[in-house]
N, C-alpha and C. Protein backbone atom coordinates (compact mmCIF):
# COMPACT_ATOMS: atom_id res chain seq x y z
N MET A 1 145.19 -140.31 119.68
CA MET A 1 145.12 -139.65 118.20
C MET A 1 146.65 -139.06 118.08
N ALA A 2 146.75 -139.08 116.92
CA ALA A 2 148.24 -138.55 116.44
C ALA A 2 148.43 -138.37 115.32
N THR A 3 149.46 -137.64 114.88
CA THR A 3 149.35 -137.28 113.35
C THR A 3 150.43 -138.41 112.42
N HIS A 4 150.62 -139.52 113.07
CA HIS A 4 151.16 -140.61 112.35
C HIS A 4 150.49 -141.67 112.67
N LEU A 5 150.91 -142.89 112.08
CA LEU A 5 150.70 -144.32 112.50
C LEU A 5 151.38 -145.36 112.78
N LYS A 6 152.52 -144.58 113.55
CA LYS A 6 153.49 -145.69 113.90
C LYS A 6 153.15 -146.32 115.32
N THR A 7 154.14 -147.81 115.39
CA THR A 7 153.57 -148.34 116.48
C THR A 7 153.67 -147.90 117.90
N GLN A 8 154.10 -147.00 117.72
CA GLN A 8 153.80 -146.32 119.23
C GLN A 8 152.55 -145.66 119.36
N LEU A 9 151.97 -145.42 118.69
CA LEU A 9 150.43 -144.90 118.77
C LEU A 9 149.59 -146.04 119.21
N VAL A 10 149.81 -147.12 118.71
CA VAL A 10 148.93 -148.33 119.02
C VAL A 10 149.25 -148.81 120.70
N LEU A 11 150.42 -148.70 120.92
CA LEU A 11 151.24 -149.02 122.17
C LEU A 11 150.63 -148.08 123.17
N ASP A 12 150.61 -146.75 122.81
CA ASP A 12 150.11 -146.03 123.69
C ASP A 12 148.51 -145.96 123.76
N ALA A 13 147.60 -146.26 122.99
CA ALA A 13 146.14 -146.77 123.06
C ALA A 13 146.13 -147.96 123.83
N LEU A 14 146.90 -148.99 123.93
CA LEU A 14 146.74 -150.03 124.67
C LEU A 14 147.12 -149.95 125.87
N ASP A 15 148.07 -149.21 126.21
CA ASP A 15 148.35 -149.24 127.68
C ASP A 15 147.17 -147.88 128.47
N MET A 16 146.79 -147.18 127.37
CA MET A 16 145.60 -146.41 128.02
C MET A 16 144.43 -147.29 128.67
N ALA A 17 144.30 -147.82 127.42
CA ALA A 17 142.93 -148.95 127.87
C ALA A 17 143.23 -150.01 128.70
N LEU A 18 144.47 -150.47 129.11
CA LEU A 18 144.61 -151.36 130.07
C LEU A 18 144.51 -150.64 131.66
N TYR A 19 145.17 -149.48 131.15
CA TYR A 19 145.11 -148.67 132.68
C TYR A 19 143.92 -148.22 133.20
N GLN A 20 142.89 -147.76 132.36
CA GLN A 20 141.76 -147.55 132.51
C GLN A 20 140.75 -148.67 132.84
N ARG A 21 141.16 -149.73 132.15
CA ARG A 21 139.91 -150.73 132.15
C ARG A 21 140.32 -151.91 132.87
N ARG A 22 141.63 -152.27 133.13
CA ARG A 22 142.17 -153.12 133.75
C ARG A 22 141.32 -154.57 133.35
N PRO A 23 141.38 -154.86 131.78
CA PRO A 23 140.56 -156.13 131.48
C PRO A 23 141.16 -156.99 131.83
N GLN A 24 140.90 -158.48 131.99
CA GLN A 24 141.41 -159.76 132.19
C GLN A 24 140.81 -160.60 131.14
N GLY A 25 141.49 -161.57 130.53
CA GLY A 25 141.10 -162.41 129.30
C GLY A 25 140.45 -161.87 128.36
N VAL A 26 141.15 -160.72 127.80
CA VAL A 26 140.56 -160.10 126.28
C VAL A 26 141.21 -160.52 125.30
N ILE A 27 140.63 -160.14 124.05
CA ILE A 27 141.16 -160.29 122.83
C ILE A 27 141.08 -159.04 122.27
N HIS A 28 142.26 -158.67 121.62
CA HIS A 28 142.70 -157.29 120.76
C HIS A 28 142.46 -157.82 119.52
N HIS A 29 140.86 -157.47 118.96
CA HIS A 29 141.22 -157.73 117.57
C HIS A 29 141.51 -156.47 116.61
N SER A 30 142.34 -156.50 115.32
CA SER A 30 142.71 -155.71 114.39
C SER A 30 142.99 -156.15 113.19
N ASP A 31 143.04 -155.20 112.20
CA ASP A 31 143.55 -155.59 110.94
C ASP A 31 145.16 -155.82 110.73
N GLN A 32 145.75 -156.13 109.64
CA GLN A 32 146.98 -156.47 109.71
C GLN A 32 147.85 -155.46 109.59
N GLY A 33 147.64 -154.37 110.02
CA GLY A 33 148.59 -153.14 109.90
C GLY A 33 149.69 -153.12 110.61
N SER A 34 150.89 -152.70 109.84
CA SER A 34 152.16 -153.15 110.39
C SER A 34 152.48 -152.67 111.85
N GLN A 35 151.39 -151.66 112.30
CA GLN A 35 151.68 -151.51 114.11
C GLN A 35 151.10 -152.71 114.89
N TYR A 36 150.40 -153.12 114.48
CA TYR A 36 149.69 -154.72 115.07
C TYR A 36 150.64 -155.84 114.76
N THR A 37 151.20 -155.93 113.66
CA THR A 37 152.17 -157.06 113.41
C THR A 37 153.54 -156.70 114.10
N SER A 38 153.97 -155.95 114.52
CA SER A 38 154.82 -155.45 115.27
C SER A 38 155.36 -156.22 116.14
N ILE A 39 156.66 -156.42 116.45
CA ILE A 39 157.20 -157.50 117.63
C ILE A 39 157.05 -156.76 119.01
N ALA A 40 156.90 -155.16 118.88
CA ALA A 40 156.81 -154.54 120.13
C ALA A 40 155.17 -154.65 120.54
N PHE A 41 154.40 -154.47 119.82
CA PHE A 41 152.89 -154.68 119.90
C PHE A 41 152.44 -156.22 120.40
N GLY A 42 153.24 -157.28 119.87
CA GLY A 42 153.05 -158.58 120.26
C GLY A 42 153.53 -158.71 121.67
N GLN A 43 154.56 -158.35 121.85
CA GLN A 43 155.33 -158.52 123.15
C GLN A 43 154.29 -157.60 124.28
N ARG A 44 154.02 -156.64 123.92
CA ARG A 44 153.04 -155.75 125.06
C ARG A 44 151.96 -156.42 125.15
N CYS A 45 151.19 -157.19 124.37
CA CYS A 45 149.96 -157.96 124.56
C CYS A 45 150.04 -158.86 125.32
N GLN A 46 151.53 -159.76 125.13
CA GLN A 46 151.71 -160.83 125.94
C GLN A 46 152.10 -160.62 127.25
N GLN A 47 152.74 -159.36 127.43
CA GLN A 47 152.71 -158.96 129.10
C GLN A 47 151.59 -158.59 129.74
N ALA A 48 150.68 -158.15 128.82
CA ALA A 48 149.45 -157.90 129.45
C ALA A 48 148.52 -158.86 129.57
N GLY A 49 148.64 -159.64 129.09
CA GLY A 49 147.68 -161.18 129.05
C GLY A 49 146.60 -160.85 127.94
N VAL A 50 146.97 -160.14 127.15
CA VAL A 50 145.89 -159.84 125.88
C VAL A 50 145.99 -160.81 124.67
N ARG A 51 145.36 -161.26 124.08
CA ARG A 51 145.43 -162.10 122.97
C ARG A 51 145.37 -161.30 121.54
N PRO A 52 146.23 -161.42 120.93
CA PRO A 52 145.92 -160.51 119.92
C PRO A 52 145.20 -161.42 118.62
N SER A 53 144.28 -160.92 118.06
CA SER A 53 143.45 -161.50 116.55
C SER A 53 143.68 -160.69 115.49
N MET A 54 143.89 -161.09 114.42
CA MET A 54 143.78 -160.49 113.21
C MET A 54 143.10 -160.93 111.99
N GLY A 55 142.55 -160.02 111.55
CA GLY A 55 141.72 -160.52 110.44
C GLY A 55 142.36 -161.22 109.02
N SER A 56 142.00 -161.81 108.22
CA SER A 56 142.42 -161.96 107.34
C SER A 56 142.55 -160.70 106.02
N VAL A 57 143.56 -161.13 105.22
CA VAL A 57 143.71 -159.89 104.57
C VAL A 57 142.34 -159.91 103.36
N GLY A 58 142.27 -158.89 103.36
CA GLY A 58 140.86 -158.41 102.25
C GLY A 58 139.60 -158.85 102.92
N ASP A 59 139.21 -158.97 103.93
CA ASP A 59 138.24 -159.36 104.67
C ASP A 59 137.41 -158.53 105.37
N CYS A 60 136.53 -157.52 104.82
CA CYS A 60 135.94 -156.82 105.44
C CYS A 60 135.03 -157.03 106.85
N TYR A 61 134.66 -158.34 106.46
CA TYR A 61 133.61 -158.66 107.47
C TYR A 61 134.22 -159.11 109.05
N ASP A 62 135.67 -159.32 108.99
CA ASP A 62 136.55 -159.48 110.32
C ASP A 62 136.05 -158.66 111.25
N ASN A 63 136.21 -157.24 110.67
CA ASN A 63 136.30 -156.04 111.63
C ASN A 63 135.00 -154.97 111.13
N ALA A 64 133.98 -155.94 111.18
CA ALA A 64 132.73 -155.24 110.83
C ALA A 64 131.70 -154.21 111.75
N MET A 65 132.34 -154.92 113.32
CA MET A 65 131.62 -154.07 114.32
C MET A 65 132.50 -152.48 114.50
N CYS A 66 133.85 -153.03 114.33
CA CYS A 66 134.85 -151.64 114.29
C CYS A 66 134.18 -150.42 113.15
N GLU A 67 134.47 -151.37 111.87
CA GLU A 67 133.97 -150.28 111.04
C GLU A 67 132.82 -149.50 111.08
N SER A 68 131.63 -150.37 111.48
CA SER A 68 130.66 -149.92 112.03
C SER A 68 130.49 -148.72 112.50
N PHE A 69 131.28 -148.71 113.78
CA PHE A 69 131.97 -147.77 114.86
C PHE A 69 132.47 -146.64 114.38
N PHE A 70 133.64 -146.70 113.43
CA PHE A 70 134.04 -145.66 112.73
C PHE A 70 133.02 -144.96 111.77
N ALA A 71 132.02 -145.64 111.02
CA ALA A 71 131.23 -145.03 110.24
C ALA A 71 130.45 -144.33 111.02
N THR A 72 129.99 -144.62 112.02
CA THR A 72 129.14 -143.90 112.99
C THR A 72 129.46 -142.47 113.65
N LEU A 73 130.76 -142.56 113.75
CA LEU A 73 131.48 -141.64 114.14
C LEU A 73 131.87 -140.57 113.16
N GLU A 74 132.14 -141.02 112.06
CA GLU A 74 132.27 -139.95 110.81
C GLU A 74 130.95 -139.40 110.42
N CYS A 75 129.96 -139.88 110.61
CA CYS A 75 128.55 -139.64 110.21
C CYS A 75 128.03 -138.55 111.52
N GLU A 76 128.23 -139.12 112.56
CA GLU A 76 127.37 -138.21 113.56
C GLU A 76 128.42 -137.15 114.19
N LEU A 77 129.68 -137.29 113.90
CA LEU A 77 130.39 -136.19 114.37
C LEU A 77 131.12 -135.69 113.49
N ILE A 78 132.43 -136.38 112.95
CA ILE A 78 133.30 -135.69 112.16
C ILE A 78 132.53 -134.97 110.83
N ASP A 79 131.84 -135.65 110.05
CA ASP A 79 130.93 -134.91 108.72
C ASP A 79 130.17 -133.57 109.50
N ARG A 80 129.86 -133.38 110.61
CA ARG A 80 129.11 -132.24 111.06
C ARG A 80 129.58 -130.90 111.57
N TYR A 81 131.31 -131.21 111.63
CA TYR A 81 131.96 -130.09 112.26
C TYR A 81 133.18 -129.80 111.49
N ARG A 82 133.78 -128.70 111.78
CA ARG A 82 134.83 -128.26 111.13
C ARG A 82 135.87 -128.22 112.41
N PHE A 83 137.05 -128.83 112.69
CA PHE A 83 137.63 -128.42 113.58
C PHE A 83 139.01 -127.46 113.13
N ARG A 84 139.12 -126.68 114.20
CA ARG A 84 140.20 -125.66 113.66
C ARG A 84 141.82 -126.14 114.26
N THR A 85 141.76 -126.94 115.08
CA THR A 85 143.10 -127.44 115.61
C THR A 85 142.95 -129.19 116.04
N GLN A 86 143.93 -129.64 115.96
CA GLN A 86 143.97 -131.22 116.20
C GLN A 86 143.53 -131.33 117.70
N ALA A 87 143.95 -130.66 118.62
CA ALA A 87 143.19 -130.49 119.97
C ALA A 87 141.92 -130.46 120.18
N GLU A 88 141.25 -129.66 119.41
CA GLU A 88 139.83 -129.28 119.44
C GLU A 88 139.32 -130.68 118.90
N ALA A 89 139.67 -131.12 117.76
CA ALA A 89 138.93 -132.59 117.23
C ALA A 89 139.26 -133.62 118.38
N ARG A 90 140.69 -133.57 119.04
CA ARG A 90 140.83 -134.67 120.21
C ARG A 90 139.43 -134.27 121.30
N MET A 91 139.36 -133.15 121.57
CA MET A 91 138.42 -133.23 122.70
C MET A 91 136.74 -133.48 122.15
N ALA A 92 136.51 -133.41 121.04
CA ALA A 92 135.28 -133.74 120.54
C ALA A 92 135.20 -135.05 120.59
N VAL A 93 136.18 -135.79 119.84
CA VAL A 93 136.27 -137.34 119.81
C VAL A 93 135.84 -137.99 120.94
N PHE A 94 136.68 -137.46 122.27
CA PHE A 94 136.48 -137.86 123.47
C PHE A 94 135.28 -137.48 123.99
N ARG A 95 134.56 -136.53 123.81
CA ARG A 95 133.28 -136.16 124.43
C ARG A 95 132.49 -137.07 123.84
N TYR A 96 132.57 -137.18 122.42
CA TYR A 96 131.64 -138.02 121.79
C TYR A 96 131.74 -139.71 122.20
N ILE A 97 132.87 -140.25 122.50
CA ILE A 97 132.88 -141.36 122.54
C ILE A 97 132.59 -141.92 124.10
N GLU A 98 133.23 -140.74 124.84
CA GLU A 98 133.16 -141.23 126.45
C GLU A 98 131.93 -140.65 127.19
N GLY A 99 131.22 -139.30 126.41
CA GLY A 99 130.36 -138.72 127.04
C GLY A 99 128.98 -139.16 126.60
N TRP A 100 128.94 -139.72 125.11
CA TRP A 100 127.58 -139.82 124.66
C TRP A 100 127.39 -141.46 124.03
N TYR A 101 128.55 -141.82 123.38
CA TYR A 101 128.52 -142.98 122.45
C TYR A 101 128.51 -144.30 123.32
N ASN A 102 129.27 -144.15 124.49
CA ASN A 102 129.63 -145.48 125.44
C ASN A 102 128.66 -145.65 126.46
N PRO A 103 128.35 -144.33 127.24
CA PRO A 103 127.17 -144.60 128.16
C PRO A 103 125.56 -144.53 127.51
N ASN A 104 125.44 -144.10 126.40
CA ASN A 104 124.13 -144.13 126.01
C ASN A 104 123.96 -144.49 124.53
N ARG A 105 124.60 -144.35 123.78
CA ARG A 105 123.79 -145.06 122.45
C ARG A 105 123.87 -146.58 122.42
N ARG A 106 122.44 -147.06 122.30
CA ARG A 106 121.99 -148.28 122.06
C ARG A 106 122.65 -149.04 120.88
N HIS A 107 122.70 -150.35 120.98
CA HIS A 107 122.92 -151.27 119.90
C HIS A 107 122.15 -152.21 119.96
N SER A 108 121.97 -152.58 118.45
CA SER A 108 121.21 -153.77 118.48
C SER A 108 121.87 -155.05 118.85
N ARG A 109 123.06 -155.19 118.33
CA ARG A 109 123.75 -156.16 118.83
C ARG A 109 124.31 -156.42 120.16
N LEU A 110 123.91 -155.49 121.06
CA LEU A 110 123.98 -155.48 122.42
C LEU A 110 122.77 -155.57 123.22
N ASP A 111 122.00 -156.05 122.38
CA ASP A 111 120.31 -156.08 123.22
C ASP A 111 119.91 -154.95 123.17
N TYR A 112 120.06 -153.95 122.30
CA TYR A 112 119.58 -152.60 122.75
C TYR A 112 120.40 -151.82 123.97
N LEU A 113 121.31 -152.35 124.37
CA LEU A 113 121.65 -151.54 125.52
C LEU A 113 122.86 -150.55 124.95
N SER A 114 123.38 -149.83 125.71
CA SER A 114 124.88 -148.91 125.42
C SER A 114 125.81 -150.05 125.62
N PRO A 115 127.17 -149.62 125.18
CA PRO A 115 128.35 -150.41 125.84
C PRO A 115 128.35 -150.36 126.98
N VAL A 116 128.25 -149.10 127.69
CA VAL A 116 128.49 -149.37 129.38
C VAL A 116 127.38 -149.85 129.74
N LYS A 117 126.32 -150.27 129.49
CA LYS A 117 125.21 -150.78 130.40
C LYS A 117 125.39 -152.42 130.03
N TYR A 118 125.98 -152.77 128.97
CA TYR A 118 126.07 -154.10 128.40
C TYR A 118 127.16 -154.69 129.12
N GLU A 119 128.24 -153.94 129.07
CA GLU A 119 129.24 -154.23 129.89
C GLU A 119 129.02 -154.72 131.12
N ARG A 120 128.50 -153.75 131.98
CA ARG A 120 128.10 -153.86 133.34
C ARG A 120 127.47 -155.12 133.50
N ARG A 121 126.12 -155.19 132.43
CA ARG A 121 125.45 -156.67 132.89
C ARG A 121 126.33 -157.76 132.66
N PHE A 122 127.12 -157.66 131.82
CA PHE A 122 127.94 -158.61 131.74
C PHE A 122 128.89 -159.02 132.95
N LYS A 123 129.58 -158.14 133.23
CA LYS A 123 130.41 -158.14 134.14
C LYS A 123 129.83 -158.38 135.53
N ASP A 124 128.53 -157.89 136.01
CA ASP A 124 127.56 -158.60 136.86
C ASP A 124 127.35 -159.97 136.84
N THR A 125 127.13 -160.70 135.90
CA THR A 125 126.80 -162.19 135.62
C THR A 125 128.08 -162.96 135.87
N LEU A 126 129.14 -162.48 135.80
CA LEU A 126 130.43 -162.94 135.69
C LEU A 126 130.93 -163.05 137.40
N GLU A 127 130.40 -162.19 138.14
CA GLU A 127 130.63 -162.05 139.60
C GLU A 127 129.44 -162.80 140.63
N ILE A 128 128.49 -163.38 139.70
CA ILE A 128 127.84 -164.19 140.43
C ILE A 128 128.32 -165.59 140.62
N PRO A 129 128.35 -166.11 141.77
CA PRO A 129 128.90 -167.63 141.74
C PRO A 129 127.85 -168.44 140.65
N SER A 130 128.87 -169.32 140.05
CA SER A 130 128.21 -170.45 138.96
C SER A 130 126.92 -171.15 139.69
N TYR A 131 127.18 -171.56 140.74
CA TYR A 131 126.06 -172.39 141.42
C TYR A 131 124.78 -171.61 141.59
N GLN A 132 125.12 -170.26 141.63
CA GLN A 132 124.01 -169.46 141.88
C GLN A 132 123.16 -169.03 140.25
N LEU A 133 123.87 -169.21 139.32
CA LEU A 133 123.12 -168.89 138.22
C LEU A 133 122.04 -169.80 137.68
N SER A 134 121.91 -170.67 138.43
CA SER A 134 120.80 -171.63 137.71
C SER A 134 119.34 -171.11 138.34
N THR A 135 119.53 -170.30 139.51
CA THR A 135 118.27 -169.89 140.38
C THR A 135 117.97 -168.67 140.03
N LEU A 136 118.81 -167.77 138.87
CA LEU A 136 118.40 -166.74 138.39
C LEU A 136 116.91 -166.86 137.38
N PRO A 137 116.02 -165.74 137.52
CA PRO A 137 115.04 -166.04 136.64
C PRO A 137 115.34 -165.69 135.12
N GLY A 138 114.74 -166.35 134.19
CA GLY A 138 114.98 -166.00 132.61
C GLY A 138 115.88 -166.81 132.39
């Protein structure tokens, strides 16, 4: 969170995600904002093995899941509180995302699991040797 929309903001966010999550073979989807089309962002993605993906100009469906998240954040948190400082807002957003949304909020698109539970289930299936997948029930 910052008071600007410079490329450094998305670089910091990407670095934080890479440090915390250690993803492999992921795609970073964004709009065509100048931060995401910058050479620095493209280079950082390449260094980290992240494949950048951008929606086409004016296509609201490309980013539908992200737009849905921000609409939910706005409705369930931002519209309900008045923050006195940016630090207070930052902590509230952090608590909402990491303390409630990711571990608990169920999504129809994720088989009615929370993002954390869905990701854990997906990760668990990747760790099962492929020759054993055929023996799993269901």
